[in-house]
C-alpha cells in the first residue's frame, strides 16, 4: 500500500518507454521477431503473412503490374519487418536478373513448398493462378489454425473457472 504510487509511476513510465521503443526500427523488428517465435501463435502469424503475400502478388500480377513493382508493393502491405526485408531483398535480386523463386528461395522464412510452386508458375507462365492457389491454401490454414486455437481456449477457460470456484468454495469453508 505504501509503494502503490511508485508502482503506478513505474508501470506508466515502463509502458511509455516500451511504446517508444516499439516505434523505432529495431523495436519493430524485435516485436515482429517475437510474434513469429511464439510457439502456436507464431505459426498462425506465418501463415497469415504468407497468405497476404500470395494474395497481394496474385492481385498485382493479374492486374498487369510488373513483378518488381508487385514485390515492392507487397513488401509494404505485409505488415511485418522480417517478411518486408525478405521481399525487398528479393526485389533487388529480381532487378539483378534472378527469378522470383530463386530470390525468395534464399530466404529461410519462405517455406519450400511456396518456392517450388512459384517456380512451377514461372516455368508454366501461370504464376497468377499458382499464387491464387497458394493464397487460398494459406487462408484455409489460417482459418483452421484459428478454429483450433479457439477449441483449445474453451477447455482451458473451463478448467480455470473450475479452479476459481474451487478456491472460492475452499476459502468459504475454511
N, C-alpha and C. Protein backbone atom coordinates (compact mmCIF):
# COMPACT_ATOMS: atom_id res chain seq x y z
N UNK A 1 0.83 -1.19 0.00
CA UNK A 1 0.00 0.00 0.00
C UNK A 1 0.87 1.25 0.00
N UNK A 2 1.98 1.20 0.74
CA UNK A 2 2.85 2.38 0.84
C UNK A 2 3.54 2.69 -0.48
N UNK A 3 3.80 1.68 -1.29
CA UNK A 3 4.54 1.89 -2.53
C UNK A 3 3.66 1.82 -3.77
N UNK A 4 2.35 1.90 -3.58
CA UNK A 4 1.42 1.80 -4.71
C UNK A 4 1.62 2.91 -5.74
N UNK A 5 1.87 4.13 -5.26
CA UNK A 5 2.09 5.25 -6.17
C UNK A 5 3.36 5.05 -6.98
N UNK A 6 4.40 4.54 -6.33
CA UNK A 6 5.66 4.30 -7.03
C UNK A 6 5.50 3.21 -8.09
N UNK A 7 4.75 2.17 -7.74
CA UNK A 7 4.50 1.11 -8.72
C UNK A 7 3.70 1.63 -9.92
N UNK A 8 2.71 2.47 -9.65
CA UNK A 8 1.91 3.05 -10.73
C UNK A 8 2.78 3.90 -11.64
N UNK A 9 3.63 4.75 -11.07
CA UNK A 9 4.54 5.57 -11.86
C UNK A 9 5.50 4.70 -12.64
N UNK A 10 6.01 3.64 -12.01
CA UNK A 10 6.94 2.73 -12.67
C UNK A 10 6.29 2.07 -13.89
N UNK A 11 5.05 1.58 -13.71
CA UNK A 11 4.37 0.92 -14.83
C UNK A 11 4.03 1.91 -15.94
N UNK A 12 3.66 3.12 -15.59
CA UNK A 12 3.35 4.12 -16.62
C UNK A 12 4.61 4.48 -17.40
N UNK A 13 5.71 4.72 -16.68
CA UNK A 13 6.97 5.04 -17.36
C UNK A 13 7.49 3.85 -18.18
N UNK A 14 7.38 2.66 -17.61
CA UNK A 14 7.80 1.46 -18.35
C UNK A 14 6.98 1.27 -19.63
N UNK A 15 5.67 1.46 -19.53
CA UNK A 15 4.81 1.35 -20.70
C UNK A 15 5.14 2.40 -21.74
N UNK A 16 5.41 3.63 -21.28
CA UNK A 16 5.77 4.70 -22.22
C UNK A 16 7.07 4.38 -22.96
N UNK A 17 8.10 3.95 -22.21
CA UNK A 17 9.37 3.63 -22.86
C UNK A 17 9.27 2.40 -23.76
N UNK A 18 8.46 1.43 -23.37
CA UNK A 18 8.24 0.26 -24.22
C UNK A 18 7.54 0.67 -25.51
N UNK A 19 6.56 1.55 -25.41
CA UNK A 19 5.86 2.05 -26.59
C UNK A 19 6.81 2.82 -27.50
N UNK A 20 7.67 3.67 -26.90
CA UNK A 20 8.64 4.44 -27.70
C UNK A 20 9.63 3.51 -28.40
N UNK A 21 10.07 2.48 -27.70
CA UNK A 21 10.99 1.51 -28.31
C UNK A 21 10.30 0.76 -29.45
N UNK A 22 9.02 0.48 -29.29
CA UNK A 22 8.27 -0.20 -30.34
C UNK A 22 8.11 0.62 -31.59
N UNK A 23 8.27 1.93 -31.50
CA UNK A 23 8.16 2.80 -32.67
C UNK A 23 9.46 2.89 -33.46
N UNK A 24 10.57 2.47 -32.87
CA UNK A 24 11.85 2.52 -33.59
C UNK A 24 11.97 1.32 -34.53
N UNK A 25 12.93 1.40 -35.43
CA UNK A 25 13.14 0.33 -36.41
C UNK A 25 13.54 -0.98 -35.72
N UNK A 26 14.46 -0.89 -34.77
CA UNK A 26 14.89 -2.11 -34.07
C UNK A 26 13.77 -2.65 -33.18
N UNK A 27 12.95 -1.76 -32.63
CA UNK A 27 11.83 -2.19 -31.81
C UNK A 27 10.78 -2.94 -32.62
N UNK A 28 10.48 -2.42 -33.82
CA UNK A 28 9.54 -3.11 -34.71
C UNK A 28 10.07 -4.48 -35.11
N UNK A 29 11.36 -4.53 -35.42
CA UNK A 29 11.97 -5.80 -35.81
C UNK A 29 11.94 -6.80 -34.65
N UNK A 30 12.24 -6.33 -33.45
CA UNK A 30 12.20 -7.21 -32.28
C UNK A 30 10.78 -7.71 -32.00
N UNK A 31 9.81 -6.81 -32.11
CA UNK A 31 8.42 -7.20 -31.87
C UNK A 31 7.95 -8.21 -32.90
N UNK A 32 8.29 -7.98 -34.18
CA UNK A 32 7.89 -8.92 -35.23
C UNK A 32 8.59 -10.27 -35.07
N UNK A 33 9.84 -10.25 -34.66
CA UNK A 33 10.56 -11.50 -34.41
C UNK A 33 9.92 -12.26 -33.25
N UNK A 34 9.52 -11.52 -32.21
CA UNK A 34 8.85 -12.16 -31.06
C UNK A 34 7.52 -12.77 -31.48
N UNK A 35 6.75 -12.05 -32.31
CA UNK A 35 5.46 -12.58 -32.76
C UNK A 35 5.64 -13.88 -33.53
N UNK A 36 6.69 -13.99 -34.31
CA UNK A 36 6.91 -15.20 -35.10
C UNK A 36 7.51 -16.34 -34.29
N UNK A 37 8.09 -16.04 -33.13
CA UNK A 37 8.75 -17.09 -32.35
C UNK A 37 7.86 -17.70 -31.28
N UNK A 38 6.71 -17.11 -31.00
CA UNK A 38 5.79 -17.68 -30.01
C UNK A 38 5.27 -19.00 -30.57
N UNK A 39 5.28 -20.08 -29.78
CA UNK A 39 5.05 -21.43 -30.33
C UNK A 39 3.83 -21.60 -31.23
N UNK A 40 2.64 -21.41 -30.77
CA UNK A 40 1.49 -21.70 -31.63
C UNK A 40 1.05 -20.47 -32.42
N UNK A 41 1.11 -19.32 -31.78
CA UNK A 41 0.67 -18.08 -32.42
C UNK A 41 1.63 -17.69 -33.55
N UNK A 42 2.92 -18.01 -33.39
CA UNK A 42 3.89 -17.70 -34.44
C UNK A 42 3.59 -18.41 -35.74
N UNK A 43 3.16 -19.66 -35.66
CA UNK A 43 2.77 -20.41 -36.85
C UNK A 43 1.56 -19.77 -37.51
N UNK A 44 0.64 -19.31 -36.69
CA UNK A 44 -0.54 -18.63 -37.22
C UNK A 44 -0.14 -17.35 -37.94
N UNK A 45 0.75 -16.57 -37.34
CA UNK A 45 1.22 -15.35 -37.99
C UNK A 45 1.94 -15.65 -39.30
N UNK A 46 2.78 -16.68 -39.32
CA UNK A 46 3.50 -17.02 -40.55
C UNK A 46 2.53 -17.35 -41.67
N UNK A 47 1.52 -18.14 -41.37
CA UNK A 47 0.53 -18.49 -42.39
C UNK A 47 -0.25 -17.27 -42.85
N UNK A 48 -0.55 -16.38 -41.92
CA UNK A 48 -1.27 -15.16 -42.27
C UNK A 48 -0.43 -14.30 -43.21
N UNK A 49 0.84 -14.13 -42.91
CA UNK A 49 1.70 -13.31 -43.75
C UNK A 49 1.92 -13.94 -45.12
N UNK A 50 2.08 -15.26 -45.16
CA UNK A 50 2.26 -15.93 -46.44
C UNK A 50 0.99 -15.83 -47.29
N UNK A 51 -0.17 -15.91 -46.66
CA UNK A 51 -1.43 -15.73 -47.37
C UNK A 51 -1.52 -14.32 -47.93
N UNK A 52 -1.13 -13.35 -47.13
CA UNK A 52 -1.16 -11.95 -47.57
C UNK A 52 -0.22 -11.72 -48.75
N UNK A 53 0.96 -12.31 -48.67
CA UNK A 53 1.94 -12.14 -49.75
C UNK A 53 1.41 -12.74 -51.04
N UNK A 54 0.93 -13.98 -50.96
CA UNK A 54 0.45 -14.66 -52.17
C UNK A 54 -0.77 -13.95 -52.76
N UNK A 55 -1.69 -13.53 -51.91
CA UNK A 55 -2.90 -12.88 -52.39
C UNK A 55 -2.58 -11.54 -53.05
N UNK A 56 -1.72 -10.76 -52.42
CA UNK A 56 -1.38 -9.45 -52.95
C UNK A 56 -0.61 -9.58 -54.27
N UNK A 57 0.35 -10.50 -54.32
CA UNK A 57 1.11 -10.68 -55.57
C UNK A 57 0.20 -11.19 -56.69
N UNK A 58 -0.75 -12.08 -56.36
CA UNK A 58 -1.69 -12.57 -57.36
C UNK A 58 -2.51 -11.41 -57.93
N UNK A 59 -3.03 -10.58 -57.05
CA UNK A 59 -3.84 -9.45 -57.50
C UNK A 59 -3.05 -8.51 -58.40
N UNK A 60 -1.83 -8.26 -58.03
CA UNK A 60 -0.99 -7.35 -58.83
C UNK A 60 -0.61 -7.94 -60.17
N UNK A 61 -0.24 -9.21 -60.18
CA UNK A 61 0.16 -9.82 -61.45
C UNK A 61 -1.02 -9.96 -62.41
N UNK A 62 -2.18 -10.30 -61.88
CA UNK A 62 -3.37 -10.42 -62.72
C UNK A 62 -3.76 -9.05 -63.29
N UNK A 63 -3.48 -7.99 -62.51
CA UNK A 63 -3.80 -6.63 -62.96
C UNK A 63 -2.79 -6.10 -63.96
N UNK A 64 -1.71 -6.81 -64.19
CA UNK A 64 -0.72 -6.39 -65.18
C UNK A 64 0.43 -5.57 -64.63
N UNK A 65 0.58 -5.54 -63.33
CA UNK A 65 1.69 -4.80 -62.72
C UNK A 65 2.95 -5.64 -62.84
N UNK A 66 4.09 -5.03 -63.21
CA UNK A 66 5.33 -5.80 -63.33
C UNK A 66 5.75 -6.44 -62.01
N UNK A 67 6.53 -7.51 -62.12
CA UNK A 67 6.92 -8.30 -60.95
C UNK A 67 7.70 -7.48 -59.93
N UNK A 68 8.62 -6.63 -60.38
CA UNK A 68 9.43 -5.85 -59.44
C UNK A 68 8.54 -4.91 -58.64
N UNK A 69 7.62 -4.25 -59.31
CA UNK A 69 6.71 -3.34 -58.62
C UNK A 69 5.76 -4.11 -57.69
N UNK A 70 5.34 -5.28 -58.13
CA UNK A 70 4.46 -6.12 -57.29
C UNK A 70 5.17 -6.53 -56.01
N UNK A 71 6.43 -6.88 -56.11
CA UNK A 71 7.20 -7.25 -54.92
C UNK A 71 7.37 -6.05 -53.98
N UNK A 72 7.63 -4.87 -54.55
CA UNK A 72 7.78 -3.68 -53.73
C UNK A 72 6.49 -3.35 -52.99
N UNK A 73 5.37 -3.39 -53.71
CA UNK A 73 4.09 -3.08 -53.07
C UNK A 73 3.69 -4.14 -52.05
N UNK A 74 3.99 -5.38 -52.35
CA UNK A 74 3.67 -6.46 -51.41
C UNK A 74 4.49 -6.31 -50.13
N UNK A 75 5.73 -5.88 -50.26
CA UNK A 75 6.54 -5.68 -49.05
C UNK A 75 5.96 -4.58 -48.17
N UNK A 76 5.30 -3.61 -48.77
CA UNK A 76 4.68 -2.54 -47.97
C UNK A 76 3.39 -3.01 -47.31
N UNK A 77 2.73 -4.02 -47.88
CA UNK A 77 1.43 -4.48 -47.39
C UNK A 77 1.57 -5.54 -46.31
N UNK A 78 2.67 -6.29 -46.30
CA UNK A 78 2.78 -7.49 -45.47
C UNK A 78 2.73 -7.20 -43.97
N UNK A 79 3.10 -6.01 -43.53
CA UNK A 79 2.96 -5.59 -42.13
C UNK A 79 3.83 -6.40 -41.16
N UNK A 80 5.00 -6.82 -41.62
CA UNK A 80 5.96 -7.50 -40.77
C UNK A 80 7.34 -7.16 -41.29
N UNK A 81 8.21 -6.67 -40.43
CA UNK A 81 9.53 -6.21 -40.86
C UNK A 81 10.39 -7.33 -41.43
N UNK A 82 10.27 -8.51 -40.89
CA UNK A 82 11.09 -9.63 -41.36
C UNK A 82 10.70 -10.02 -42.77
N UNK A 83 9.40 -10.17 -43.01
CA UNK A 83 8.94 -10.50 -44.36
C UNK A 83 9.15 -9.33 -45.31
N UNK A 84 9.02 -8.12 -44.80
CA UNK A 84 9.24 -6.93 -45.64
C UNK A 84 10.68 -6.90 -46.13
N UNK A 85 11.62 -7.16 -45.25
CA UNK A 85 13.03 -7.18 -45.65
C UNK A 85 13.32 -8.31 -46.62
N UNK A 86 12.71 -9.46 -46.40
CA UNK A 86 12.91 -10.58 -47.32
C UNK A 86 12.38 -10.24 -48.71
N UNK A 87 11.23 -9.59 -48.78
CA UNK A 87 10.66 -9.22 -50.08
C UNK A 87 11.47 -8.11 -50.75
N UNK A 88 11.97 -7.16 -49.97
CA UNK A 88 12.80 -6.11 -50.56
C UNK A 88 14.13 -6.67 -51.07
N UNK A 89 14.71 -7.63 -50.34
CA UNK A 89 15.93 -8.29 -50.83
C UNK A 89 15.63 -9.07 -52.11
N UNK A 90 14.48 -9.73 -52.15
CA UNK A 90 14.09 -10.47 -53.35
C UNK A 90 13.87 -9.51 -54.52
N UNK A 91 13.33 -8.33 -54.23
CA UNK A 91 13.13 -7.33 -55.28
C UNK A 91 14.46 -6.92 -55.90
N UNK A 92 15.45 -6.70 -55.05
CA UNK A 92 16.78 -6.33 -55.56
C UNK A 92 17.38 -7.46 -56.38
N UNK A 93 17.18 -8.70 -55.95
CA UNK A 93 17.71 -9.84 -56.69
C UNK A 93 17.00 -9.99 -58.03
N UNK A 94 15.69 -9.74 -58.08
CA UNK A 94 14.95 -9.82 -59.34
C UNK A 94 15.40 -8.70 -60.28
N UNK A 95 15.67 -7.53 -59.74
CA UNK A 95 16.21 -6.44 -60.56
C UNK A 95 17.56 -6.83 -61.14
N UNK A 96 18.31 -7.65 -60.41
CA UNK A 96 19.62 -8.10 -60.86
C UNK A 96 19.56 -9.25 -61.86
N UNK A 97 18.37 -9.77 -62.15
CA UNK A 97 18.23 -10.79 -63.18
C UNK A 97 17.86 -12.17 -62.66
N UNK A 98 17.72 -12.35 -61.38
CA UNK A 98 17.33 -13.66 -60.85
C UNK A 98 15.83 -13.87 -61.00
N UNK A 99 15.42 -15.10 -60.93
CA UNK A 99 13.98 -15.38 -60.95
C UNK A 99 13.42 -15.15 -59.55
N UNK A 100 12.10 -15.01 -59.47
CA UNK A 100 11.45 -14.76 -58.19
C UNK A 100 11.64 -15.95 -57.26
N UNK A 101 11.50 -17.15 -57.81
CA UNK A 101 11.63 -18.34 -56.97
C UNK A 101 13.05 -18.47 -56.42
N UNK A 102 14.05 -18.16 -57.23
CA UNK A 102 15.43 -18.24 -56.75
C UNK A 102 15.71 -17.18 -55.70
N UNK A 103 15.20 -15.97 -55.92
CA UNK A 103 15.48 -14.90 -54.97
C UNK A 103 14.73 -15.12 -53.65
N UNK A 104 13.52 -15.65 -53.71
CA UNK A 104 12.80 -15.96 -52.47
C UNK A 104 13.33 -17.23 -51.82
N UNK A 105 13.91 -18.12 -52.61
CA UNK A 105 14.46 -19.36 -52.09
C UNK A 105 15.65 -19.16 -51.18
N UNK A 106 16.31 -18.02 -51.31
CA UNK A 106 17.45 -17.72 -50.45
C UNK A 106 17.03 -17.37 -49.03
N UNK A 107 15.76 -17.05 -48.85
CA UNK A 107 15.25 -16.64 -47.54
C UNK A 107 14.72 -17.86 -46.80
N UNK A 108 15.14 -18.02 -45.57
CA UNK A 108 14.72 -19.17 -44.76
C UNK A 108 13.25 -19.04 -44.32
N UNK A 109 12.74 -17.83 -44.32
CA UNK A 109 11.40 -17.60 -43.78
C UNK A 109 10.30 -18.02 -44.76
N UNK A 110 10.62 -18.12 -46.04
CA UNK A 110 9.64 -18.55 -47.04
C UNK A 110 9.72 -20.07 -47.15
N UNK A 111 8.59 -20.78 -46.96
CA UNK A 111 8.63 -22.25 -46.99
C UNK A 111 8.95 -22.79 -48.39
N UNK A 112 9.53 -23.98 -48.41
CA UNK A 112 9.95 -24.61 -49.66
C UNK A 112 8.81 -24.88 -50.61
N UNK A 113 7.64 -25.23 -50.08
CA UNK A 113 6.51 -25.53 -50.96
C UNK A 113 6.08 -24.28 -51.73
N UNK A 114 6.16 -23.14 -51.08
CA UNK A 114 5.80 -21.89 -51.76
C UNK A 114 6.81 -21.57 -52.86
N UNK A 115 8.07 -21.80 -52.57
CA UNK A 115 9.13 -21.56 -53.56
C UNK A 115 8.94 -22.47 -54.77
N UNK A 116 8.68 -23.75 -54.51
CA UNK A 116 8.51 -24.71 -55.60
C UNK A 116 7.28 -24.38 -56.45
N UNK A 117 6.21 -23.97 -55.80
CA UNK A 117 5.01 -23.64 -56.57
C UNK A 117 5.21 -22.37 -57.39
N UNK A 118 5.93 -21.40 -56.85
CA UNK A 118 6.24 -20.19 -57.63
C UNK A 118 7.13 -20.56 -58.81
N UNK A 119 8.07 -21.47 -58.58
CA UNK A 119 8.95 -21.91 -59.68
C UNK A 119 8.13 -22.58 -60.79
N UNK A 120 7.17 -23.43 -60.41
CA UNK A 120 6.30 -24.08 -61.40
C UNK A 120 5.48 -23.03 -62.14
N UNK A 121 4.99 -22.03 -61.41
CA UNK A 121 4.21 -20.96 -62.04
C UNK A 121 5.03 -20.14 -63.00
N UNK A 122 6.28 -19.90 -62.67
CA UNK A 122 7.16 -19.16 -63.58
C UNK A 122 7.44 -19.96 -64.84
N UNK A 123 7.69 -21.25 -64.67
CA UNK A 123 8.03 -22.09 -65.83
C UNK A 123 6.82 -22.33 -66.74
N UNK A 124 5.63 -22.40 -66.15
CA UNK A 124 4.44 -22.67 -66.95
C UNK A 124 3.76 -21.39 -67.45
N UNK A 125 4.15 -20.25 -66.91
CA UNK A 125 3.52 -18.99 -67.31
C UNK A 125 2.20 -18.73 -66.61
N UNK A 126 1.89 -19.51 -65.60
CA UNK A 126 0.63 -19.39 -64.87
C UNK A 126 0.88 -18.97 -63.42
N UNK A 127 1.77 -18.01 -63.23
CA UNK A 127 2.14 -17.61 -61.87
C UNK A 127 0.95 -17.02 -61.11
N UNK A 128 0.09 -16.29 -61.82
CA UNK A 128 -1.09 -15.72 -61.16
C UNK A 128 -1.99 -16.79 -60.57
N UNK A 129 -2.25 -17.84 -61.34
CA UNK A 129 -3.11 -18.93 -60.85
C UNK A 129 -2.46 -19.67 -59.69
N UNK A 130 -1.16 -19.89 -59.80
CA UNK A 130 -0.44 -20.58 -58.73
C UNK A 130 -0.49 -19.74 -57.45
N UNK A 131 -0.30 -18.43 -57.57
CA UNK A 131 -0.36 -17.57 -56.38
C UNK A 131 -1.77 -17.54 -55.79
N UNK A 132 -2.78 -17.61 -56.64
CA UNK A 132 -4.16 -17.68 -56.15
C UNK A 132 -4.37 -18.98 -55.36
N UNK A 133 -3.84 -20.08 -55.89
CA UNK A 133 -3.93 -21.37 -55.19
C UNK A 133 -3.22 -21.30 -53.84
N UNK A 134 -2.02 -20.70 -53.83
CA UNK A 134 -1.28 -20.56 -52.57
C UNK A 134 -2.04 -19.68 -51.58
N UNK A 135 -2.62 -18.60 -52.07
CA UNK A 135 -3.37 -17.72 -51.21
C UNK A 135 -4.56 -18.44 -50.59
N UNK A 136 -5.29 -19.21 -51.41
CA UNK A 136 -6.43 -19.98 -50.88
C UNK A 136 -5.98 -21.01 -49.86
N UNK A 137 -4.85 -21.68 -50.15
CA UNK A 137 -4.32 -22.70 -49.24
C UNK A 137 -3.97 -22.09 -47.89
N UNK A 138 -3.22 -20.99 -47.90
CA UNK A 138 -2.80 -20.39 -46.64
C UNK A 138 -3.98 -19.73 -45.92
N UNK A 139 -4.96 -19.24 -46.65
CA UNK A 139 -6.16 -18.70 -46.00
C UNK A 139 -6.91 -19.79 -45.25
N UNK A 140 -7.03 -20.96 -45.88
CA UNK A 140 -7.67 -22.08 -45.20
C UNK A 140 -6.86 -22.51 -43.98
N UNK A 141 -5.55 -22.50 -44.11
CA UNK A 141 -4.68 -22.86 -42.98
C UNK A 141 -4.87 -21.89 -41.82
N UNK A 142 -5.00 -20.60 -42.11
CA UNK A 142 -5.21 -19.60 -41.06
C UNK A 142 -6.55 -19.84 -40.38
N UNK A 143 -7.59 -20.10 -41.17
CA UNK A 143 -8.91 -20.36 -40.60
C UNK A 143 -8.88 -21.61 -39.72
N UNK A 144 -8.23 -22.65 -40.19
CA UNK A 144 -8.13 -23.88 -39.39
C UNK A 144 -7.34 -23.65 -38.11
N UNK A 145 -6.26 -22.88 -38.19
CA UNK A 145 -5.44 -22.62 -37.01
C UNK A 145 -6.22 -21.79 -35.98
N UNK A 146 -6.99 -20.82 -36.44
CA UNK A 146 -7.79 -20.01 -35.51
C UNK A 146 -8.87 -20.87 -34.87
N UNK A 147 -9.52 -21.73 -35.66
CA UNK A 147 -10.53 -22.62 -35.08
C UNK A 147 -9.93 -23.55 -34.04
N UNK A 148 -8.74 -24.07 -34.32
CA UNK A 148 -8.06 -24.94 -33.37
C UNK A 148 -7.70 -24.18 -32.09
N UNK A 149 -7.24 -22.94 -32.26
CA UNK A 149 -6.90 -22.12 -31.09
C UNK A 149 -8.12 -21.84 -30.24
N UNK A 150 -9.25 -21.55 -30.88
CA UNK A 150 -10.49 -21.31 -30.13
C UNK A 150 -10.92 -22.60 -29.42
N UNK A 151 -10.77 -23.73 -30.09
CA UNK A 151 -11.12 -25.01 -29.47
C UNK A 151 -10.23 -25.33 -28.28
N UNK A 152 -8.98 -24.85 -28.30
CA UNK A 152 -8.08 -25.06 -27.16
C UNK A 152 -8.38 -24.11 -26.01
N UNK A 153 -8.89 -22.93 -26.32
CA UNK A 153 -9.15 -21.94 -25.29
C UNK A 153 -10.35 -22.35 -24.43
N UNK A 154 -11.37 -22.93 -25.05
CA UNK A 154 -12.59 -23.29 -24.31
C UNK A 154 -12.33 -24.22 -23.13
N UNK A 155 -11.64 -25.36 -23.30
CA UNK A 155 -11.39 -26.22 -22.13
C UNK A 155 -10.50 -25.55 -21.09
N UNK A 156 -9.56 -24.74 -21.54
CA UNK A 156 -8.69 -24.05 -20.60
C UNK A 156 -9.49 -23.09 -19.74
N UNK A 157 -10.42 -22.38 -20.34
CA UNK A 157 -11.26 -21.46 -19.57
C UNK A 157 -12.14 -22.21 -18.59
N UNK A 158 -12.65 -23.36 -18.97
CA UNK A 158 -13.50 -24.15 -18.07
C UNK A 158 -12.68 -24.63 -16.87
N UNK A 159 -11.45 -25.09 -17.11
CA UNK A 159 -10.60 -25.55 -16.02
C UNK A 159 -10.26 -24.39 -15.09
N UNK A 160 -9.91 -23.23 -15.66
CA UNK A 160 -9.58 -22.07 -14.82
C UNK A 160 -10.79 -21.61 -14.02
N UNK A 161 -11.96 -21.63 -14.63
CA UNK A 161 -13.18 -21.26 -13.92
C UNK A 161 -13.46 -22.25 -12.79
N UNK A 162 -13.26 -23.53 -13.05
CA UNK A 162 -13.44 -24.55 -12.01
C UNK A 162 -12.47 -24.37 -10.86
N UNK A 163 -11.22 -24.05 -11.17
CA UNK A 163 -10.24 -23.80 -10.12
C UNK A 163 -10.62 -22.57 -9.29
N UNK A 164 -11.12 -21.54 -9.97
CA UNK A 164 -11.55 -20.33 -9.26
C UNK A 164 -12.71 -20.61 -8.33
N UNK A 165 -13.69 -21.36 -8.80
CA UNK A 165 -14.84 -21.72 -7.96
C UNK A 165 -14.38 -22.60 -6.81
N UNK A 166 -13.48 -23.55 -7.08
CA UNK A 166 -12.96 -24.41 -6.01
C UNK A 166 -12.20 -23.62 -4.96
N UNK A 167 -11.41 -22.66 -5.39
CA UNK A 167 -10.68 -21.81 -4.45
C UNK A 167 -11.66 -20.99 -3.61
N UNK A 168 -12.67 -20.44 -4.26
CA UNK A 168 -13.67 -19.66 -3.53
C UNK A 168 -14.43 -20.53 -2.52
N UNK A 169 -14.80 -21.73 -2.94
CA UNK A 169 -15.51 -22.66 -2.06
C UNK A 169 -14.62 -23.07 -0.88
N UNK A 170 -13.36 -23.35 -1.16
CA UNK A 170 -12.44 -23.75 -0.08
C UNK A 170 -12.24 -22.59 0.90
N UNK A 171 -12.16 -21.37 0.39
CA UNK A 171 -11.96 -20.23 1.30
C UNK A 171 -13.19 -19.98 2.16
N UNK A 172 -14.38 -20.22 1.63
CA UNK A 172 -15.61 -20.05 2.41
C UNK A 172 -15.68 -21.14 3.48
N UNK A 173 -15.36 -22.39 3.12
CA UNK A 173 -15.44 -23.49 4.07
C UNK A 173 -14.37 -23.41 5.16
N UNK A 174 -13.22 -22.88 4.84
CA UNK A 174 -12.15 -22.79 5.83
C UNK A 174 -12.46 -21.64 6.78
